[in-house]
Amino acid sequence: MCMKATCGECSKSDPTAPLSVCSLESTRSWLTLLATPNSGKTTWFGCGRHIPEVLDKVPADEWCTCEPKVEVGGKKYPPKSASR
């Protein structure tokens, strides 16, 4: 489930479901990619410092479509997941 989700894609998800897909560790910070349980689309959880570095490797049509988007460097990304 995305934080502040405004679409049905994530808002009906089970936040307790195991969702981890992969992780990136970089100097005391983590960004974990998650697959939403309902649609399997990709979102993220973590500090947010590595959003472009990690999500740009995933095709945009595979990203969660919930709003509000997170803008980094002028590019919009899926919202942060409410849980891992």
PDB file of N, CA and C in Angstrom:
ATOM      1  N   MET A   1       0.848  -1.169   0.000  1.00  0.00           N
ATOM      2  CA  MET A   1       0.000   0.000   0.000  1.00  0.00           C
ATOM      3  C   MET A   1       0.894   1.232   0.000  1.00  0.00           C
ATOM      4  N   CYS A   2       0.634   2.169  -0.873  1.00  0.00           N
ATOM      5  CA  CYS A   2       1.429   3.388  -0.941  1.00  0.00           C
ATOM      6  C   CYS A   2       0.955   4.374   0.114  1.00  0.00           C
ATOM      7  N   MET A   3       1.887   5.173   0.596  1.00  0.00           N
ATOM      8  CA  MET A   3       1.510   6.225   1.529  1.00  0.00           C
ATOM      9  C   MET A   3       0.651   7.229   0.785  1.00  0.00           C
ATOM     10  N   LYS A   4      -0.467   7.620   1.350  1.00  0.00           N
ATOM     11  CA  LYS A   4      -1.368   8.608   0.756  1.00  0.00           C
ATOM     12  C   LYS A   4      -1.853   8.184  -0.625  1.00  0.00           C
ATOM     13  N   ALA A   5      -2.030   6.893  -0.849  1.00  0.00           N
ATOM     14  CA  ALA A   5      -2.461   6.405  -2.156  1.00  0.00           C
ATOM     15  C   ALA A   5      -3.860   6.896  -2.490  1.00  0.00           C
ATOM     16  N   THR A   6      -4.054   7.281  -3.734  1.00  0.00           N
ATOM     17  CA  THR A   6      -5.364   7.757  -4.168  1.00  0.00           C
ATOM     18  C   THR A   6      -5.918   6.929  -5.317  1.00  0.00           C
ATOM     19  N   CYS A   7      -5.360   5.733  -5.507  1.00  0.00           N
ATOM     20  CA  CYS A   7      -5.907   4.861  -6.537  1.00  0.00           C
ATOM     21  C   CYS A   7      -6.176   3.492  -5.937  1.00  0.00           C
ATOM     22  N   GLY A   8      -6.909   2.673  -6.641  1.00  0.00           N
ATOM     23  CA  GLY A   8      -7.226   1.349  -6.152  1.00  0.00           C
ATOM     24  C   GLY A   8      -6.090   0.362  -6.271  1.00  0.00           C
ATOM     25  N   GLU A   9      -5.057   0.715  -7.029  1.00  0.00           N
ATOM     26  CA  GLU A   9      -3.957  -0.215  -7.269  1.00  0.00           C
ATOM     27  C   GLU A   9      -3.279  -0.625  -5.966  1.00  0.00           C
ATOM     28  N   CYS A  10      -3.013   0.332  -5.090  1.00  0.00           N
ATOM     29  CA  CYS A  10      -2.312   0.022  -3.853  1.00  0.00           C
ATOM     30  C   CYS A  10      -3.204   0.139  -2.621  1.00  0.00           C
ATOM     31  N   SER A  11      -4.229   0.952  -2.682  1.00  0.00           N
ATOM     32  CA  SER A  11      -5.003   1.241  -1.484  1.00  0.00           C
ATOM     33  C   SER A  11      -5.737   0.031  -0.927  1.00  0.00           C
ATOM     34  N   LYS A  12      -5.911  -1.024  -1.725  1.00  0.00           N
ATOM     35  CA  LYS A  12      -6.569  -2.225  -1.239  1.00  0.00           C
ATOM     36  C   LYS A  12      -5.572  -3.327  -0.916  1.00  0.00           C
ATOM     37  N   SER A  13      -4.307  -3.020  -1.004  1.00  0.00           N
ATOM     38  CA  SER A  13      -3.265  -4.015  -0.779  1.00  0.00           C
ATOM     39  C   SER A  13      -3.176  -4.402   0.686  1.00  0.00           C
ATOM     40  N   ASP A  14      -2.645  -5.581   0.927  1.00  0.00           N
ATOM     41  CA  ASP A  14      -2.391  -6.053   2.277  1.00  0.00           C
ATOM     42  C   ASP A  14      -1.017  -5.558   2.691  1.00  0.00           C
ATOM     43  N   PRO A  15      -0.926  -4.566   3.595  1.00  0.00           N
ATOM     44  CA  PRO A  15       0.376  -4.014   3.954  1.00  0.00           C
ATOM     45  C   PRO A  15       1.255  -4.987   4.718  1.00  0.00           C
ATOM     46  N   THR A  16       0.709  -6.118   5.159  1.00  0.00           N
ATOM     47  CA  THR A  16       1.518  -7.089   5.895  1.00  0.00           C
ATOM     48  C   THR A  16       2.101  -8.155   4.983  1.00  0.00           C
ATOM     49  N   ALA A  17       1.724  -8.160   3.707  1.00  0.00           N
ATOM     50  CA  ALA A  17       2.221  -9.171   2.780  1.00  0.00           C
ATOM     51  C   ALA A  17       3.708  -8.977   2.515  1.00  0.00           C
ATOM     52  N   PRO A  18       4.459 -10.065   2.353  1.00  0.00           N
ATOM     53  CA  PRO A  18       5.887  -9.930   2.034  1.00  0.00           C
ATOM     54  C   PRO A  18       6.042  -9.419   0.602  1.00  0.00           C
ATOM     55  N   LEU A  19       6.685  -8.261   0.443  1.00  0.00           N
ATOM     56  CA  LEU A  19       6.718  -7.611  -0.850  1.00  0.00           C
ATOM     57  C   LEU A  19       8.112  -7.408  -1.430  1.00  0.00           C
ATOM     58  N   SER A  20       9.160  -7.641  -0.668  1.00  0.00           N
ATOM     59  CA  SER A  20      10.494  -7.261  -1.128  1.00  0.00           C
ATOM     60  C   SER A  20      10.871  -7.914  -2.445  1.00  0.00           C
ATOM     61  N   VAL A  21      11.408  -7.122  -3.349  1.00  0.00           N
ATOM     62  CA  VAL A  21      11.881  -7.603  -4.632  1.00  0.00           C
ATOM     63  C   VAL A  21      13.405  -7.522  -4.668  1.00  0.00           C
ATOM     64  N   CYS A  22      13.967  -6.377  -4.315  1.00  0.00           N
ATOM     65  CA  CYS A  22      15.417  -6.237  -4.250  1.00  0.00           C
ATOM     66  C   CYS A  22      15.768  -5.010  -3.407  1.00  0.00           C
ATOM     67  N   SER A  23      17.026  -4.884  -3.079  1.00  0.00           N
ATOM     68  CA  SER A  23      17.472  -3.775  -2.238  1.00  0.00           C
ATOM     69  C   SER A  23      18.767  -3.189  -2.788  1.00  0.00           C
ATOM     70  N   LEU A  24      19.017  -1.965  -2.442  1.00  0.00           N
ATOM     71  CA  LEU A  24      20.272  -1.320  -2.793  1.00  0.00           C
ATOM     72  C   LEU A  24      20.822  -0.703  -1.518  1.00  0.00           C
ATOM     73  N   GLU A  25      22.017  -1.086  -1.122  1.00  0.00           N
ATOM     74  CA  GLU A  25      22.630  -0.514   0.058  1.00  0.00           C
ATOM     75  C   GLU A  25      23.675   0.492  -0.379  1.00  0.00           C
ATOM     76  N   SER A  26      23.667   1.653   0.250  1.00  0.00           N
ATOM     77  CA  SER A  26      24.672   2.654  -0.061  1.00  0.00           C
ATOM     78  C   SER A  26      24.908   3.523   1.163  1.00  0.00           C
ATOM     79  N   THR A  27      26.006   3.359   1.800  1.00  0.00           N
ATOM     80  CA  THR A  27      26.432   4.164   2.924  1.00  0.00           C
ATOM     81  C   THR A  27      25.300   4.500   3.892  1.00  0.00           C
ATOM     82  N   ARG A  28      24.905   3.523   4.647  1.00  0.00           N
ATOM     83  CA  ARG A  28      23.892   3.677   5.696  1.00  0.00           C
ATOM     84  C   ARG A  28      22.497   4.038   5.201  1.00  0.00           C
ATOM     85  N   SER A  29      22.166   3.820   3.959  1.00  0.00           N
ATOM     86  CA  SER A  29      20.805   4.073   3.508  1.00  0.00           C
ATOM     87  C   SER A  29      20.360   2.949   2.585  1.00  0.00           C
ATOM     88  N   TRP A  30      19.092   2.664   2.617  1.00  0.00           N
ATOM     89  CA  TRP A  30      18.512   1.587   1.813  1.00  0.00           C
ATOM     90  C   TRP A  30      17.349   2.109   0.999  1.00  0.00           C
ATOM     91  N   LEU A  31      17.188   1.572  -0.168  1.00  0.00           N
ATOM     92  CA  LEU A  31      15.970   1.774  -0.949  1.00  0.00           C
ATOM     93  C   LEU A  31      15.568   0.383  -1.405  1.00  0.00           C
ATOM     94  N   THR A  32      14.361  -0.029  -1.051  1.00  0.00           N
ATOM     95  CA  THR A  32      13.873  -1.352  -1.404  1.00  0.00           C
ATOM     96  C   THR A  32      12.764  -1.224  -2.428  1.00  0.00           C
ATOM     97  N   LEU A  33      12.868  -1.965  -3.520  1.00  0.00           N
ATOM     98  CA  LEU A  33      11.792  -2.002  -4.502  1.00  0.00           C
ATOM     99  C   LEU A  33      10.757  -3.005  -4.028  1.00  0.00           C
ATOM    100  N   LEU A  34       9.489  -2.664  -4.192  1.00  0.00           N
ATOM    101  CA  LEU A  34       8.397  -3.524  -3.777  1.00  0.00           C
ATOM    102  C   LEU A  34       7.447  -3.744  -4.933  1.00  0.00           C
ATOM    103  N   ALA A  35       6.828  -4.904  -4.965  1.00  0.00           N
ATOM    104  CA  ALA A  35       5.780  -5.190  -5.945  1.00  0.00           C
ATOM    105  C   ALA A  35       4.445  -5.121  -5.211  1.00  0.00           C
ATOM    106  N   THR A  36       3.527  -4.292  -5.700  1.00  0.00           N
ATOM    107  CA  THR A  36       2.229  -4.185  -5.037  1.00  0.00           C
ATOM    108  C   THR A  36       1.493  -5.512  -5.174  1.00  0.00           C
ATOM    109  N   PRO A  37       0.842  -5.985  -4.103  1.00  0.00           N
ATOM    110  CA  PRO A  37       0.193  -7.289  -4.131  1.00  0.00           C
ATOM    111  C   PRO A  37      -0.931  -7.404  -5.165  1.00  0.00           C
ATOM    112  N   ASN A  38      -1.673  -6.337  -5.394  1.00  0.00           N
ATOM    113  CA  ASN A  38      -2.810  -6.412  -6.314  1.00  0.00           C
ATOM    114  C   ASN A  38      -2.388  -6.423  -7.773  1.00  0.00           C
ATOM    115  N   SER A  39      -1.451  -5.583  -8.134  1.00  0.00           N
ATOM    116  CA  SER A  39      -1.106  -5.442  -9.550  1.00  0.00           C
ATOM    117  C   SER A  39       0.301  -5.913  -9.890  1.00  0.00           C
ATOM    118  N   GLY A  40       1.147  -6.081  -8.888  1.00  0.00           N
ATOM    119  CA  GLY A  40       2.532  -6.449  -9.149  1.00  0.00           C
ATOM    120  C   GLY A  40       3.376  -5.297  -9.661  1.00  0.00           C
ATOM    121  N   LYS A  41       2.820  -4.078  -9.664  1.00  0.00           N
ATOM    122  CA  LYS A  41       3.568  -2.897 -10.125  1.00  0.00           C
ATOM    123  C   LYS A  41       4.611  -2.528  -9.074  1.00  0.00           C
ATOM    124  N   THR A  42       5.636  -1.812  -9.506  1.00  0.00           N
ATOM    125  CA  THR A  42       6.779  -1.491  -8.656  1.00  0.00           C
ATOM    126  C   THR A  42       6.625  -0.145  -7.974  1.00  0.00           C
ATOM    127  N   THR A  43       6.921  -0.126  -6.673  1.00  0.00           N
ATOM    128  CA  THR A  43       7.029   1.098  -5.892  1.00  0.00           C
ATOM    129  C   THR A  43       8.269   0.930  -5.022  1.00  0.00           C
ATOM    130  N   TRP A  44       8.458   1.762  -4.013  1.00  0.00           N
ATOM    131  CA  TRP A  44       9.685   1.717  -3.244  1.00  0.00           C
ATOM    132  C   TRP A  44       9.417   2.021  -1.775  1.00  0.00           C
ATOM    133  N   PHE A  45      10.404   1.689  -0.944  1.00  0.00           N
ATOM    134  CA  PHE A  45      10.367   1.997   0.481  1.00  0.00           C
ATOM    135  C   PHE A  45      11.794   2.303   0.908  1.00  0.00           C
ATOM    136  N   GLY A  46      11.968   3.303   1.724  1.00  0.00           N
ATOM    137  CA  GLY A  46      13.299   3.656   2.223  1.00  0.00           C
ATOM    138  C   GLY A  46      13.441   5.154   2.369  1.00  0.00           C
ATOM    139  N   CYS A  47      14.676   5.607   2.406  1.00  0.00           N
ATOM    140  CA  CYS A  47      14.952   7.024   2.633  1.00  0.00           C
ATOM    141  C   CYS A  47      14.636   7.883   1.407  1.00  0.00           C
ATOM    142  N   GLY A  48      14.640   7.300   0.228  1.00  0.00           N
ATOM    143  CA  GLY A  48      14.332   8.045  -0.989  1.00  0.00           C
ATOM    144  C   GLY A  48      15.526   8.675  -1.673  1.00  0.00           C
ATOM    145  N   ARG A  49      16.715   8.521  -1.119  1.00  0.00           N
ATOM    146  CA  ARG A  49      17.897   9.142  -1.707  1.00  0.00           C
ATOM    147  C   ARG A  49      18.341   8.475  -3.003  1.00  0.00           C
ATOM    148  N   HIS A  50      17.889   7.251  -3.255  1.00  0.00           N
ATOM    149  CA  HIS A  50      18.363   6.502  -4.421  1.00  0.00           C
ATOM    150  C   HIS A  50      17.239   6.156  -5.392  1.00  0.00           C
ATOM    151  N   ILE A  51      16.154   6.896  -5.350  1.00  0.00           N
ATOM    152  CA  ILE A  51      14.999   6.593  -6.201  1.00  0.00           C
ATOM    153  C   ILE A  51      15.400   6.515  -7.674  1.00  0.00           C
ATOM    154  N   PRO A  52      16.016   7.535  -8.250  1.00  0.00           N
ATOM    155  CA  PRO A  52      16.369   7.453  -9.679  1.00  0.00           C
ATOM    156  C   PRO A  52      17.340   6.309  -9.975  1.00  0.00           C
ATOM    157  N   GLU A  53      18.331   6.143  -9.139  1.00  0.00           N
ATOM    158  CA  GLU A  53      19.354   5.124  -9.353  1.00  0.00           C
ATOM    159  C   GLU A  53      18.739   3.720  -9.439  1.00  0.00           C
ATOM    160  N   VAL A  54      17.701   3.466  -8.656  1.00  0.00           N
ATOM    161  CA  VAL A  54      17.085   2.144  -8.619  1.00  0.00           C
ATOM    162  C   VAL A  54      15.899   2.036  -9.576  1.00  0.00           C
ATOM    163  N   LEU A  55      14.967   2.977  -9.514  1.00  0.00           N
ATOM    164  CA  LEU A  55      13.749   2.868 -10.326  1.00  0.00           C
ATOM    165  C   LEU A  55      13.986   3.087 -11.817  1.00  0.00           C
ATOM    166  N   ASP A  56      15.009   3.830 -12.193  1.00  0.00           N
ATOM    167  CA  ASP A  56      15.275   4.027 -13.620  1.00  0.00           C
ATOM    168  C   ASP A  56      15.673   2.728 -14.318  1.00  0.00           C
ATOM    169  N   LYS A  57      15.998   1.695 -13.547  1.00  0.00           N
ATOM    170  CA  LYS A  57      16.319   0.383 -14.116  1.00  0.00           C
ATOM    171  C   LYS A  57      15.062  -0.443 -14.369  1.00  0.00           C
ATOM    172  N   VAL A  58      13.911   0.035 -13.873  1.00  0.00           N
ATOM    173  CA  VAL A  58      12.629  -0.647 -14.049  1.00  0.00           C
ATOM    174  C   VAL A  58      11.834   0.122 -15.101  1.00  0.00           C
ATOM    175  N   PRO A  59      11.285  -0.538 -16.116  1.00  0.00           N
ATOM    176  CA  PRO A  59      10.491   0.173 -17.120  1.00  0.00           C
ATOM    177  C   PRO A  59       9.338   0.944 -16.472  1.00  0.00           C
ATOM    178  N   ALA A  60       9.122   2.174 -16.897  1.00  0.00           N
ATOM    179  CA  ALA A  60       8.105   3.039 -16.298  1.00  0.00           C
ATOM    180  C   ALA A  60       6.699   2.435 -16.364  1.00  0.00           C
ATOM    181  N   ASP A  61       6.427   1.612 -17.373  1.00  0.00           N
ATOM    182  CA  ASP A  61       5.096   1.002 -17.449  1.00  0.00           C
ATOM    183  C   ASP A  61       4.898  -0.094 -16.399  1.00  0.00           C
ATOM    184  N   GLU A  62       5.959  -0.423 -15.662  1.00  0.00           N
ATOM    185  CA  GLU A  62       5.864  -1.390 -14.570  1.00  0.00           C
ATOM    186  C   GLU A  62       5.780  -0.712 -13.198  1.00  0.00           C
ATOM    187  N   TRP A  63       5.780   0.631 -13.177  1.00  0.00           N
ATOM    188  CA  TRP A  63       5.705   1.376 -11.925  1.00  0.00           C
ATOM    189  C   TRP A  63       4.276   1.466 -11.422  1.00  0.00           C
ATOM    190  N   CYS A  64       4.127   1.560 -10.120  1.00  0.00           N
ATOM    191  CA  CYS A  64       2.843   1.829  -9.482  1.00  0.00           C
ATOM    192  C   CYS A  64       2.320   3.174 -10.018  1.00  0.00           C
ATOM    193  N   THR A  65       1.023   3.265 -10.230  1.00  0.00           N
ATOM    194  CA  THR A  65       0.443   4.488 -10.798  1.00  0.00           C
ATOM    195  C   THR A  65      -0.255   5.360  -9.759  1.00  0.00           C
ATOM    196  N   CYS A  66      -0.095   5.039  -8.475  1.00  0.00           N
ATOM    197  CA  CYS A  66      -0.742   5.822  -7.417  1.00  0.00           C
ATOM    198  C   CYS A  66      -0.226   7.264  -7.394  1.00  0.00           C
ATOM    199  N   GLU A  67      -1.002   8.121  -6.807  1.00  0.00           N
ATOM    200  CA  GLU A  67      -0.657   9.526  -6.609  1.00  0.00           C
ATOM    201  C   GLU A  67      -0.595   9.801  -5.105  1.00  0.00           C
ATOM    202  N   PRO A  68       0.101  10.783  -4.634  1.00  0.00           N
ATOM    203  CA  PRO A  68       0.895  11.748  -5.388  1.00  0.00           C
ATOM    204  C   PRO A  68       2.253  11.169  -5.732  1.00  0.00           C
ATOM    205  N   LYS A  69       2.764  11.550  -6.885  1.00  0.00           N
ATOM    206  CA  LYS A  69       4.090  11.123  -7.321  1.00  0.00           C
ATOM    207  C   LYS A  69       5.161  11.846  -6.510  1.00  0.00           C
ATOM    208  N   VAL A  70       6.356  11.282  -6.502  1.00  0.00           N
ATOM    209  CA  VAL A  70       7.521  11.881  -5.867  1.00  0.00           C
ATOM    210  C   VAL A  70       8.386  12.425  -6.993  1.00  0.00           C
ATOM    211  N   GLU A  71       8.723  13.708  -6.941  1.00  0.00           N
ATOM    212  CA  GLU A  71       9.538  14.303  -7.993  1.00  0.00           C
ATOM    213  C   GLU A  71      10.991  14.397  -7.543  1.00  0.00           C
ATOM    214  N   VAL A  72      11.873  13.872  -8.383  1.00  0.00           N
ATOM    215  CA  VAL A  72      13.313  13.918  -8.123  1.00  0.00           C
ATOM    216  C   VAL A  72      13.989  14.346  -9.412  1.00  0.00           C
ATOM    217  N   GLY A  73      14.699  15.451  -9.358  1.00  0.00           N
ATOM    218  CA  GLY A  73      15.415  15.933 -10.533  1.00  0.00           C
ATOM    219  C   GLY A  73      14.509  16.207 -11.727  1.00  0.00           C
ATOM    220  N   GLY A  74      13.289  16.641 -11.470  1.00  0.00           N
ATOM    221  CA  GLY A  74      12.357  16.969 -12.536  1.00  0.00           C
ATOM    222  C   GLY A  74      11.608  15.768 -13.109  1.00  0.00           C
ATOM    223  N   LYS A  75      11.869  14.568 -12.597  1.00  0.00           N
ATOM    224  CA  LYS A  75      11.193  13.357 -13.057  1.00  0.00           C
ATOM    225  C   LYS A  75      10.281  12.836 -11.950  1.00  0.00           C
ATOM    226  N   LYS A  76       9.092  12.352 -12.322  1.00  0.00           N
ATOM    227  CA  LYS A  76       8.127  11.868 -11.334  1.00  0.00           C
ATOM    228  C   LYS A  76       8.207  10.353 -11.194  1.00  0.00           C
ATOM    229  N   TYR A  77       8.211   9.913  -9.933  1.00  0.00           N
ATOM    230  CA  TYR A  77       8.310   8.499  -9.582  1.00  0.00           C
ATOM    231  C   TYR A  77       7.114   8.091  -8.731  1.00  0.00           C
ATOM    232  N   PRO A  78       6.886   6.769  -8.585  1.00  0.00           N
ATOM    233  CA  PRO A  78       5.774   6.316  -7.760  1.00  0.00           C
ATOM    234  C   PRO A  78       5.928   6.783  -6.314  1.00  0.00           C
ATOM    235  N   PRO A  79       4.809   6.865  -5.586  1.00  0.00           N
ATOM    236  CA  PRO A  79       4.901   7.257  -4.175  1.00  0.00           C
ATOM    237  C   PRO A  79       5.562   6.164  -3.331  1.00  0.00           C
ATOM    238  N   LYS A  80       6.071   6.568  -2.192  1.00  0.00           N
ATOM    239  CA  LYS A  80       6.687   5.635  -1.251  1.00  0.00           C
ATOM    240  C   LYS A  80       5.635   4.667  -0.721  1.00  0.00           C
ATOM    241  N   SER A  81       6.020   3.413  -0.570  1.00  0.00           N
ATOM    242  CA  SER A  81       5.126   2.409  -0.008  1.00  0.00           C
ATOM    243  C   SER A  81       4.948   2.676   1.479  1.00  0.00           C
ATOM    244  N   ALA A  82       3.767   2.368   1.996  1.00  0.00           N
ATOM    245  CA  ALA A  82       3.500   2.553   3.428  1.00  0.00           C
ATOM    246  C   ALA A  82       4.236   1.533   4.281  1.00  0.00           C
ATOM    247  N   SER A  83       4.597   0.401   3.710  1.00  0.00           N
ATOM    248  CA  SER A  83       5.305  -0.636   4.466  1.00  0.00           C
ATOM    249  C   SER A  83       6.132  -1.490   3.531  1.00  0.00           C
ATOM    250  N   ARG A  84       7.052  -2.265   4.154  1.00  0.00           N
ATOM    251  CA  ARG A  84       7.876  -3.179   3.366  1.00  0.00           C
ATOM    252  C   ARG A  84       7.233  -4.494   3.307  1.00  0.00           C
TER     253      ARG A  84
END
